[in-house]
Amino acid sequence: MAVANFAAGNAAIEQTHDLEIRPHVPMSGGESKMTPKTGSVKDYMTGKLVTFSPQTDVLDAIHELVHHQIAGAPVINDQGDLIGMLSELDCMKIALQAGYHGQWGGPVAEYMSIDIETVDAGMSIIDLAERFLDTGFRRFPVVDDHRLVGQISRRDVLRALETIARG
């Protein structure tokens, strides 16, 4: 695990990145051991996140997304409350704006999405899988008592379903 702080103007970009490599274990034949509502989001979410403050320069944020090979990151205020998300799509809008108007940069707060759908840490993985199918989102911020505690992606859900199926 690597932890680093990068100065971006007056705001710090906090980032942590965990890589976990798991060996492939072939599925055995026979019945699935998966039962409805088995496992919860908190068991499979990523708790170490790249996060941005609303004051972070958007070009620094884009650099961090590319550097960490992630598709988006939560934006949190000084109290740790989730106030937005900065996604690849938001960043593409910035690039287009720059191409048309020659204006690059500005604070993340000007470009982040603020209409955020979250999931509760106690939600079941099965319910979350259905929510992914219904929304088409690639990831959800995870909250516990309205505080950001992690993020969960489609890939995390697939890993969870595979683990559940193996028993």
N, C-alpha and C. Protein backbone atom coordinates (compact mmCIF):
# COMPACT_ATOMS: atom_id res chain seq x y z
N MET A 1 0.84 -1.18 0.00
CA MET A 1 0.00 0.00 0.00
C MET A 1 0.88 1.24 0.00
N ALA A 2 0.54 2.19 -0.85
CA ALA A 2 1.26 3.44 -0.90
C ALA A 2 0.32 4.57 -0.51
N VAL A 3 0.81 5.49 0.29
CA VAL A 3 0.01 6.64 0.72
C VAL A 3 0.82 7.88 0.40
N ALA A 4 0.17 8.86 -0.23
CA ALA A 4 0.90 10.07 -0.58
C ALA A 4 -0.03 11.26 -0.52
N ASN A 5 0.53 12.42 -0.23
CA ASN A 5 -0.20 13.68 -0.31
C ASN A 5 0.47 14.53 -1.38
N PHE A 6 -0.34 15.13 -2.24
CA PHE A 6 0.18 15.98 -3.29
C PHE A 6 -0.40 17.36 -3.10
N ALA A 7 0.43 18.36 -3.11
CA ALA A 7 -0.06 19.73 -2.96
C ALA A 7 -0.67 20.16 -4.28
N ALA A 8 -1.83 20.75 -4.20
CA ALA A 8 -2.51 21.28 -5.38
C ALA A 8 -3.04 22.65 -5.00
N GLY A 9 -2.24 23.66 -5.24
CA GLY A 9 -2.63 24.99 -4.78
C GLY A 9 -2.64 24.98 -3.26
N ASN A 10 -3.73 25.41 -2.68
CA ASN A 10 -3.87 25.40 -1.23
C ASN A 10 -4.49 24.11 -0.71
N ALA A 11 -4.96 23.27 -1.61
CA ALA A 11 -5.66 22.04 -1.20
C ALA A 11 -4.77 20.83 -1.42
N ALA A 12 -4.87 19.87 -0.52
CA ALA A 12 -4.10 18.64 -0.67
C ALA A 12 -4.98 17.58 -1.31
N ILE A 13 -4.36 16.79 -2.16
CA ILE A 13 -5.05 15.65 -2.74
C ILE A 13 -4.56 14.46 -1.94
N GLU A 14 -5.48 13.82 -1.23
CA GLU A 14 -5.11 12.64 -0.47
C GLU A 14 -5.34 11.44 -1.34
N GLN A 15 -4.37 10.53 -1.33
CA GLN A 15 -4.54 9.35 -2.13
C GLN A 15 -3.90 8.15 -1.47
N THR A 16 -4.59 7.08 -1.56
CA THR A 16 -4.05 5.82 -1.11
C THR A 16 -4.46 4.79 -2.13
N HIS A 17 -3.64 3.79 -2.29
CA HIS A 17 -3.93 2.81 -3.33
C HIS A 17 -3.52 1.44 -2.83
N ASP A 18 -4.45 0.54 -2.74
CA ASP A 18 -4.17 -0.83 -2.35
C ASP A 18 -4.30 -1.73 -3.56
N LEU A 19 -3.38 -2.62 -3.75
CA LEU A 19 -3.51 -3.65 -4.77
C LEU A 19 -3.53 -4.98 -4.07
N GLU A 20 -4.52 -5.74 -4.38
CA GLU A 20 -4.64 -7.07 -3.79
C GLU A 20 -4.70 -8.06 -4.94
N ILE A 21 -3.75 -8.97 -4.98
CA ILE A 21 -3.70 -9.97 -6.04
C ILE A 21 -4.16 -11.29 -5.45
N ARG A 22 -5.16 -11.85 -6.06
CA ARG A 22 -5.70 -13.11 -5.57
C ARG A 22 -5.50 -14.18 -6.63
N PRO A 23 -5.11 -15.39 -6.22
CA PRO A 23 -4.93 -16.45 -7.19
C PRO A 23 -6.26 -16.90 -7.76
N HIS A 24 -6.24 -17.32 -9.02
CA HIS A 24 -7.44 -17.85 -9.65
C HIS A 24 -7.69 -19.26 -9.12
N VAL A 25 -8.89 -19.49 -8.65
CA VAL A 25 -9.27 -20.82 -8.17
C VAL A 25 -10.43 -21.28 -9.04
N PRO A 26 -10.28 -22.37 -9.78
CA PRO A 26 -11.35 -22.79 -10.67
C PRO A 26 -12.60 -23.18 -9.90
N MET A 27 -13.76 -22.87 -10.50
CA MET A 27 -15.04 -23.24 -9.90
C MET A 27 -15.20 -24.75 -9.97
N SER A 28 -15.69 -25.33 -8.90
CA SER A 28 -15.95 -26.76 -8.92
C SER A 28 -17.34 -26.97 -9.50
N GLY A 29 -17.60 -28.17 -10.01
CA GLY A 29 -18.91 -28.49 -10.56
C GLY A 29 -19.92 -28.58 -9.43
N GLY A 30 -21.17 -28.69 -9.78
CA GLY A 30 -22.19 -28.86 -8.76
C GLY A 30 -23.01 -27.61 -8.55
N GLU A 31 -23.80 -27.62 -7.51
CA GLU A 31 -24.74 -26.54 -7.23
C GLU A 31 -24.04 -25.31 -6.68
N SER A 32 -24.60 -24.17 -7.00
CA SER A 32 -24.10 -22.92 -6.44
C SER A 32 -24.46 -22.85 -4.96
N LYS A 33 -23.55 -22.30 -4.17
CA LYS A 33 -23.80 -22.14 -2.74
C LYS A 33 -24.31 -20.75 -2.42
N MET A 34 -24.60 -19.98 -3.47
CA MET A 34 -25.05 -18.62 -3.27
C MET A 34 -26.48 -18.63 -2.74
N THR A 35 -26.69 -17.85 -1.70
CA THR A 35 -28.03 -17.69 -1.17
C THR A 35 -28.40 -16.23 -1.27
N PRO A 36 -29.68 -15.92 -1.43
CA PRO A 36 -30.08 -14.52 -1.55
C PRO A 36 -29.63 -13.70 -0.35
N LYS A 37 -29.25 -12.46 -0.63
CA LYS A 37 -28.90 -11.48 0.40
C LYS A 37 -27.61 -11.84 1.16
N THR A 38 -26.76 -12.70 0.60
CA THR A 38 -25.51 -13.07 1.26
C THR A 38 -24.45 -12.01 1.02
N GLY A 39 -23.81 -11.57 2.08
CA GLY A 39 -22.74 -10.58 1.98
C GLY A 39 -23.28 -9.17 1.89
N SER A 40 -22.49 -8.23 2.37
CA SER A 40 -22.91 -6.83 2.31
C SER A 40 -21.82 -5.98 1.66
N VAL A 41 -22.19 -4.80 1.28
CA VAL A 41 -21.29 -3.87 0.61
C VAL A 41 -20.02 -3.65 1.43
N LYS A 42 -20.14 -3.48 2.75
CA LYS A 42 -18.96 -3.19 3.58
C LYS A 42 -17.92 -4.30 3.54
N ASP A 43 -18.36 -5.53 3.20
CA ASP A 43 -17.43 -6.65 3.13
C ASP A 43 -16.56 -6.63 1.88
N TYR A 44 -16.98 -5.91 0.85
CA TYR A 44 -16.29 -5.96 -0.44
C TYR A 44 -15.88 -4.61 -0.99
N MET A 45 -16.26 -3.53 -0.34
CA MET A 45 -15.94 -2.19 -0.84
C MET A 45 -14.44 -1.89 -0.68
N THR A 46 -14.01 -0.88 -1.39
CA THR A 46 -12.67 -0.35 -1.24
C THR A 46 -12.75 0.79 -0.25
N GLY A 47 -11.95 0.70 0.80
CA GLY A 47 -11.96 1.75 1.82
C GLY A 47 -10.87 2.78 1.63
N LYS A 48 -9.86 2.45 0.88
CA LYS A 48 -8.76 3.38 0.60
C LYS A 48 -9.03 4.04 -0.74
N LEU A 49 -9.29 5.33 -0.73
CA LEU A 49 -9.71 6.03 -1.94
C LEU A 49 -8.84 7.22 -2.26
N VAL A 50 -8.78 7.53 -3.54
CA VAL A 50 -8.29 8.83 -3.97
C VAL A 50 -9.48 9.76 -3.80
N THR A 51 -9.30 10.85 -3.08
CA THR A 51 -10.37 11.83 -2.90
C THR A 51 -9.84 13.21 -3.25
N PHE A 52 -10.76 14.09 -3.59
CA PHE A 52 -10.41 15.47 -3.90
C PHE A 52 -11.19 16.41 -3.02
N SER A 53 -10.61 17.56 -2.77
CA SER A 53 -11.36 18.64 -2.11
C SER A 53 -11.99 19.47 -3.22
N PRO A 54 -13.01 20.26 -2.91
CA PRO A 54 -13.63 21.09 -3.96
C PRO A 54 -12.66 22.14 -4.52
N GLN A 55 -11.63 22.49 -3.75
CA GLN A 55 -10.67 23.50 -4.20
C GLN A 55 -9.53 22.93 -5.05
N THR A 56 -9.40 21.61 -5.13
CA THR A 56 -8.34 20.99 -5.92
C THR A 56 -8.43 21.46 -7.37
N ASP A 57 -7.31 21.83 -7.95
CA ASP A 57 -7.30 22.22 -9.36
C ASP A 57 -7.68 21.01 -10.21
N VAL A 58 -8.57 21.20 -11.14
CA VAL A 58 -9.10 20.09 -11.92
C VAL A 58 -8.01 19.41 -12.76
N LEU A 59 -6.99 20.14 -13.19
CA LEU A 59 -5.90 19.51 -13.95
C LEU A 59 -5.10 18.57 -13.06
N ASP A 60 -4.89 18.95 -11.80
CA ASP A 60 -4.23 18.05 -10.85
C ASP A 60 -5.09 16.81 -10.61
N ALA A 61 -6.40 17.01 -10.52
CA ALA A 61 -7.32 15.88 -10.32
C ALA A 61 -7.27 14.93 -11.52
N ILE A 62 -7.28 15.47 -12.73
CA ILE A 62 -7.19 14.62 -13.93
C ILE A 62 -5.90 13.82 -13.90
N HIS A 63 -4.81 14.48 -13.54
CA HIS A 63 -3.53 13.78 -13.45
C HIS A 63 -3.62 12.59 -12.49
N GLU A 64 -4.24 12.79 -11.35
CA GLU A 64 -4.36 11.71 -10.35
C GLU A 64 -5.25 10.57 -10.85
N LEU A 65 -6.33 10.90 -11.53
CA LEU A 65 -7.19 9.85 -12.09
C LEU A 65 -6.41 9.00 -13.09
N VAL A 66 -5.67 9.65 -13.96
CA VAL A 66 -4.88 8.93 -14.96
C VAL A 66 -3.77 8.13 -14.29
N HIS A 67 -3.08 8.76 -13.37
CA HIS A 67 -1.95 8.11 -12.68
C HIS A 67 -2.39 6.84 -11.95
N HIS A 68 -3.54 6.89 -11.30
CA HIS A 68 -4.02 5.75 -10.52
C HIS A 68 -4.92 4.82 -11.31
N GLN A 69 -5.11 5.16 -12.59
CA GLN A 69 -5.92 4.34 -13.49
C GLN A 69 -7.32 4.09 -12.91
N ILE A 70 -7.96 5.16 -12.47
CA ILE A 70 -9.31 5.07 -11.92
C ILE A 70 -10.24 5.96 -12.74
N ALA A 71 -11.51 5.62 -12.73
CA ALA A 71 -12.49 6.29 -13.58
C ALA A 71 -13.17 7.47 -12.89
N GLY A 72 -12.94 7.66 -11.62
CA GLY A 72 -13.56 8.76 -10.91
C GLY A 72 -13.18 8.72 -9.45
N ALA A 73 -13.49 9.81 -8.76
CA ALA A 73 -13.15 9.89 -7.34
C ALA A 73 -14.14 10.80 -6.63
N PRO A 74 -14.39 10.51 -5.34
CA PRO A 74 -15.28 11.35 -4.55
C PRO A 74 -14.63 12.70 -4.23
N VAL A 75 -15.50 13.70 -4.08
CA VAL A 75 -15.08 15.03 -3.65
C VAL A 75 -15.68 15.22 -2.26
N ILE A 76 -14.81 15.52 -1.29
CA ILE A 76 -15.27 15.67 0.08
C ILE A 76 -14.88 17.03 0.63
N ASN A 77 -15.69 17.55 1.55
CA ASN A 77 -15.39 18.83 2.18
C ASN A 77 -14.47 18.61 3.39
N ASP A 78 -14.16 19.69 4.09
CA ASP A 78 -13.24 19.62 5.23
C ASP A 78 -13.75 18.73 6.36
N GLN A 79 -15.06 18.53 6.44
CA GLN A 79 -15.64 17.68 7.48
C GLN A 79 -15.71 16.21 7.05
N GLY A 80 -15.29 15.91 5.82
CA GLY A 80 -15.32 14.54 5.33
C GLY A 80 -16.65 14.15 4.71
N ASP A 81 -17.53 15.12 4.49
CA ASP A 81 -18.82 14.84 3.86
C ASP A 81 -18.65 14.74 2.36
N LEU A 82 -19.35 13.78 1.77
CA LEU A 82 -19.35 13.62 0.32
C LEU A 82 -20.18 14.73 -0.29
N ILE A 83 -19.57 15.53 -1.17
CA ILE A 83 -20.29 16.64 -1.79
C ILE A 83 -20.34 16.54 -3.30
N GLY A 84 -19.63 15.59 -3.87
CA GLY A 84 -19.63 15.44 -5.33
C GLY A 84 -18.77 14.27 -5.77
N MET A 85 -18.79 14.04 -7.08
CA MET A 85 -17.93 13.03 -7.70
C MET A 85 -17.34 13.66 -8.95
N LEU A 86 -16.07 13.36 -9.20
CA LEU A 86 -15.43 13.79 -10.43
C LEU A 86 -15.18 12.54 -11.25
N SER A 87 -15.78 12.46 -12.42
CA SER A 87 -15.70 11.26 -13.25
C SER A 87 -14.93 11.54 -14.53
N GLU A 88 -14.62 10.47 -15.25
CA GLU A 88 -13.99 10.61 -16.56
C GLU A 88 -14.87 11.45 -17.49
N LEU A 89 -16.16 11.25 -17.41
CA LEU A 89 -17.07 12.01 -18.25
C LEU A 89 -16.99 13.50 -17.93
N ASP A 90 -16.95 13.85 -16.64
CA ASP A 90 -16.78 15.25 -16.25
C ASP A 90 -15.49 15.80 -16.84
N CYS A 91 -14.43 15.00 -16.81
CA CYS A 91 -13.13 15.44 -17.31
C CYS A 91 -13.13 15.60 -18.83
N MET A 92 -13.88 14.76 -19.53
CA MET A 92 -13.99 14.92 -20.99
C MET A 92 -14.68 16.23 -21.34
N LYS A 93 -15.65 16.62 -20.54
CA LYS A 93 -16.33 17.90 -20.75
C LYS A 93 -15.33 19.05 -20.60
N ILE A 94 -14.41 18.91 -19.66
CA ILE A 94 -13.38 19.93 -19.44
C ILE A 94 -12.49 20.03 -20.68
N ALA A 95 -12.08 18.88 -21.20
CA ALA A 95 -11.22 18.86 -22.38
C ALA A 95 -11.92 19.49 -23.59
N LEU A 96 -13.20 19.19 -23.76
CA LEU A 96 -13.94 19.79 -24.87
C LEU A 96 -14.07 21.30 -24.70
N GLN A 97 -14.36 21.72 -23.49
CA GLN A 97 -14.46 23.16 -23.21
C GLN A 97 -13.14 23.84 -23.53
N ALA A 98 -12.05 23.22 -23.15
CA ALA A 98 -10.74 23.79 -23.42
C ALA A 98 -10.47 23.86 -24.92
N GLY A 99 -10.91 22.81 -25.63
CA GLY A 99 -10.72 22.80 -27.08
C GLY A 99 -11.49 23.90 -27.78
N TYR A 100 -12.70 24.17 -27.31
CA TYR A 100 -13.53 25.20 -27.93
C TYR A 100 -13.19 26.61 -27.46
N HIS A 101 -12.89 26.74 -26.17
CA HIS A 101 -12.73 28.08 -25.59
C HIS A 101 -11.32 28.39 -25.11
N GLY A 102 -10.42 27.41 -25.16
CA GLY A 102 -9.05 27.63 -24.73
C GLY A 102 -8.90 27.82 -23.23
N GLN A 103 -9.89 27.40 -22.45
CA GLN A 103 -9.83 27.58 -21.00
C GLN A 103 -9.62 26.25 -20.31
N TRP A 104 -8.47 26.10 -19.68
CA TRP A 104 -8.16 24.90 -18.91
C TRP A 104 -8.13 25.28 -17.44
N GLY A 105 -8.53 24.35 -16.61
CA GLY A 105 -8.34 24.54 -15.19
C GLY A 105 -9.53 25.11 -14.46
N GLY A 106 -9.28 25.32 -13.18
CA GLY A 106 -10.32 25.77 -12.27
C GLY A 106 -10.48 24.73 -11.18
N PRO A 107 -11.25 25.05 -10.17
CA PRO A 107 -11.43 24.11 -9.06
C PRO A 107 -12.36 22.95 -9.45
N VAL A 108 -12.13 21.80 -8.84
CA VAL A 108 -12.96 20.62 -9.05
C VAL A 108 -14.43 20.95 -8.83
N ALA A 109 -14.73 21.82 -7.88
CA ALA A 109 -16.12 22.18 -7.56
C ALA A 109 -16.88 22.68 -8.78
N GLU A 110 -16.18 23.28 -9.75
CA GLU A 110 -16.85 23.80 -10.94
C GLU A 110 -17.22 22.71 -11.93
N TYR A 111 -16.63 21.52 -11.80
CA TYR A 111 -16.81 20.48 -12.80
C TYR A 111 -17.41 19.18 -12.27
N MET A 112 -17.41 18.99 -10.97
CA MET A 112 -17.88 17.74 -10.39
C MET A 112 -19.39 17.58 -10.55
N SER A 113 -19.83 16.33 -10.52
CA SER A 113 -21.26 16.04 -10.49
C SER A 113 -21.73 16.14 -9.05
N ILE A 114 -22.86 16.77 -8.84
CA ILE A 114 -23.33 16.94 -7.46
C ILE A 114 -24.57 16.11 -7.16
N ASP A 115 -25.22 15.59 -8.19
CA ASP A 115 -26.38 14.72 -7.99
C ASP A 115 -25.85 13.30 -7.86
N ILE A 116 -25.53 12.90 -6.64
CA ILE A 116 -24.80 11.66 -6.38
C ILE A 116 -25.73 10.61 -5.80
N GLU A 117 -25.67 9.42 -6.36
CA GLU A 117 -26.37 8.29 -5.78
C GLU A 117 -25.36 7.50 -4.96
N THR A 118 -25.73 7.21 -3.73
CA THR A 118 -24.85 6.46 -2.84
C THR A 118 -25.52 5.15 -2.46
N VAL A 119 -24.73 4.26 -1.87
CA VAL A 119 -25.28 3.03 -1.29
C VAL A 119 -24.83 2.95 0.16
N ASP A 120 -25.65 2.30 0.96
CA ASP A 120 -25.34 2.13 2.37
C ASP A 120 -24.38 0.95 2.56
N ALA A 121 -23.48 1.08 3.50
CA ALA A 121 -22.49 0.02 3.75
C ALA A 121 -23.14 -1.31 4.12
N GLY A 122 -24.33 -1.27 4.67
CA GLY A 122 -25.02 -2.49 5.06
C GLY A 122 -25.87 -3.13 3.98
N MET A 123 -25.95 -2.51 2.80
CA MET A 123 -26.76 -3.06 1.70
C MET A 123 -26.23 -4.42 1.27
N SER A 124 -27.11 -5.32 0.90
CA SER A 124 -26.67 -6.64 0.45
C SER A 124 -26.04 -6.55 -0.94
N ILE A 125 -25.11 -7.43 -1.19
CA ILE A 125 -24.45 -7.48 -2.49
C ILE A 125 -25.44 -7.80 -3.60
N ILE A 126 -26.40 -8.66 -3.33
CA ILE A 126 -27.40 -9.02 -4.34
C ILE A 126 -28.24 -7.78 -4.70
N ASP A 127 -28.67 -7.03 -3.69
CA ASP A 127 -29.42 -5.80 -3.97
C ASP A 127 -28.58 -4.80 -4.74
N LEU A 128 -27.30 -4.73 -4.40
CA LEU A 128 -26.40 -3.81 -5.11
C LEU A 128 -26.23 -4.23 -6.56
N ALA A 129 -26.10 -5.53 -6.81
CA ALA A 129 -25.97 -6.01 -8.19
C ALA A 129 -27.19 -5.58 -9.01
N GLU A 130 -28.37 -5.70 -8.42
CA GLU A 130 -29.59 -5.27 -9.10
C GLU A 130 -29.57 -3.77 -9.35
N ARG A 131 -29.05 -3.01 -8.40
CA ARG A 131 -28.98 -1.55 -8.56
C ARG A 131 -28.03 -1.18 -9.69
N PHE A 132 -26.91 -1.89 -9.79
CA PHE A 132 -25.99 -1.64 -10.90
C PHE A 132 -26.70 -1.89 -12.23
N LEU A 133 -27.46 -2.96 -12.31
CA LEU A 133 -28.18 -3.26 -13.55
C LEU A 133 -29.21 -2.19 -13.88
N ASP A 134 -29.88 -1.67 -12.86
CA ASP A 134 -30.92 -0.66 -13.06
C ASP A 134 -30.37 0.71 -13.45
N THR A 135 -29.19 1.06 -12.95
CA THR A 135 -28.67 2.42 -13.16
C THR A 135 -27.64 2.53 -14.27
N GLY A 136 -26.88 1.48 -14.50
CA GLY A 136 -25.80 1.57 -15.47
C GLY A 136 -24.54 2.23 -14.94
N PHE A 137 -24.52 2.64 -13.65
CA PHE A 137 -23.32 3.25 -13.07
C PHE A 137 -22.21 2.22 -12.97
N ARG A 138 -20.97 2.70 -12.96
CA ARG A 138 -19.80 1.83 -12.84
C ARG A 138 -19.35 1.67 -11.39
N ARG A 139 -19.72 2.64 -10.55
CA ARG A 139 -19.30 2.61 -9.16
C ARG A 139 -20.28 3.43 -8.33
N PHE A 140 -20.30 3.15 -7.04
CA PHE A 140 -21.10 3.93 -6.10
C PHE A 140 -20.24 4.31 -4.91
N PRO A 141 -20.38 5.54 -4.41
CA PRO A 141 -19.78 5.87 -3.11
C PRO A 141 -20.57 5.12 -2.03
N VAL A 142 -19.87 4.66 -1.01
CA VAL A 142 -20.49 3.93 0.09
C VAL A 142 -20.51 4.83 1.31
N VAL A 143 -21.69 4.94 1.93
CA VAL A 143 -21.84 5.77 3.11
C VAL A 143 -22.33 4.94 4.29
N ASP A 144 -21.95 5.38 5.46
CA ASP A 144 -22.44 4.80 6.70
C ASP A 144 -22.79 5.98 7.59
N ASP A 145 -24.05 6.10 7.94
CA ASP A 145 -24.54 7.24 8.72
C ASP A 145 -24.18 8.56 8.02
N HIS A 146 -24.40 8.59 6.70
CA HIS A 146 -24.20 9.76 5.84
C HIS A 146 -22.73 10.18 5.68
N ARG A 147 -21.79 9.38 6.12
CA ARG A 147 -20.36 9.68 5.98
C ARG A 147 -19.76 8.74 4.94
N LEU A 148 -18.90 9.28 4.08
CA LEU A 148 -18.21 8.47 3.09
C LEU A 148 -17.28 7.48 3.78
N VAL A 149 -17.45 6.19 3.50
CA VAL A 149 -16.60 5.17 4.10
C VAL A 149 -15.89 4.33 3.05
N GLY A 150 -16.25 4.49 1.77
CA GLY A 150 -15.61 3.70 0.74
C GLY A 150 -16.29 3.88 -0.60
N GLN A 151 -15.94 2.99 -1.50
CA GLN A 151 -16.51 2.98 -2.84
C GLN A 151 -16.59 1.54 -3.29
N ILE A 152 -17.60 1.21 -4.08
CA ILE A 152 -17.73 -0.15 -4.59
C ILE A 152 -18.02 -0.08 -6.08
N SER A 153 -17.38 -0.97 -6.82
CA SER A 153 -17.50 -0.98 -8.27
C SER A 153 -18.18 -2.26 -8.74
N ARG A 154 -18.48 -2.29 -10.01
CA ARG A 154 -19.05 -3.51 -10.61
C ARG A 154 -18.09 -4.68 -10.40
N ARG A 155 -16.81 -4.43 -10.58
CA ARG A 155 -15.82 -5.51 -10.43
C ARG A 155 -15.81 -6.05 -9.00
N ASP A 156 -15.96 -5.16 -8.01
CA ASP A 156 -16.05 -5.61 -6.62
C ASP A 156 -17.24 -6.53 -6.42
N VAL A 157 -18.36 -6.19 -7.06
CA VAL A 157 -19.57 -7.02 -6.94
C VAL A 157 -19.34 -8.37 -7.60
N LEU A 158 -18.70 -8.39 -8.75
CA LEU A 158 -18.41 -9.68 -9.40
C LEU A 158 -17.52 -10.54 -8.52
N ARG A 159 -16.51 -9.91 -7.90
CA ARG A 159 -15.63 -10.64 -6.98
C ARG A 159 -16.44 -11.19 -5.81
N ALA A 160 -17.35 -10.40 -5.28
CA ALA A 160 -18.18 -10.83 -4.16
C ALA A 160 -19.09 -12.00 -4.56
N LEU A 161 -19.71 -11.87 -5.71
CA LEU A 161 -20.61 -12.95 -6.17
C LEU A 161 -19.84 -14.23 -6.41
N GLU A 162 -18.62 -14.11 -6.93
CA GLU A 162 -17.79 -15.30 -7.13
C GLU A 162 -17.44 -15.94 -5.78
N THR A 163 -17.06 -15.12 -4.81
CA THR A 163 -16.73 -15.63 -3.48
C THR A 163 -17.94 -16.31 -2.83
N ILE A 164 -19.08 -15.68 -2.93
CA ILE A 164 -20.31 -16.23 -2.37
C ILE A 164 -20.64 -17.58 -3.03
N ALA A 165 -20.50 -17.63 -4.35
CA ALA A 165 -20.82 -18.84 -5.08
C ALA A 165 -19.91 -20.01 -4.70
N ARG A 166 -18.68 -19.69 -4.36
CA ARG A 166 -17.72 -20.74 -3.98
C ARG A 166 -17.94 -21.23 -2.56
N GLY A 167 -18.65 -20.42 -1.78
CA GLY A 167 -18.94 -20.81 -0.39
C GLY A 167 -17.78 -20.64 0.44
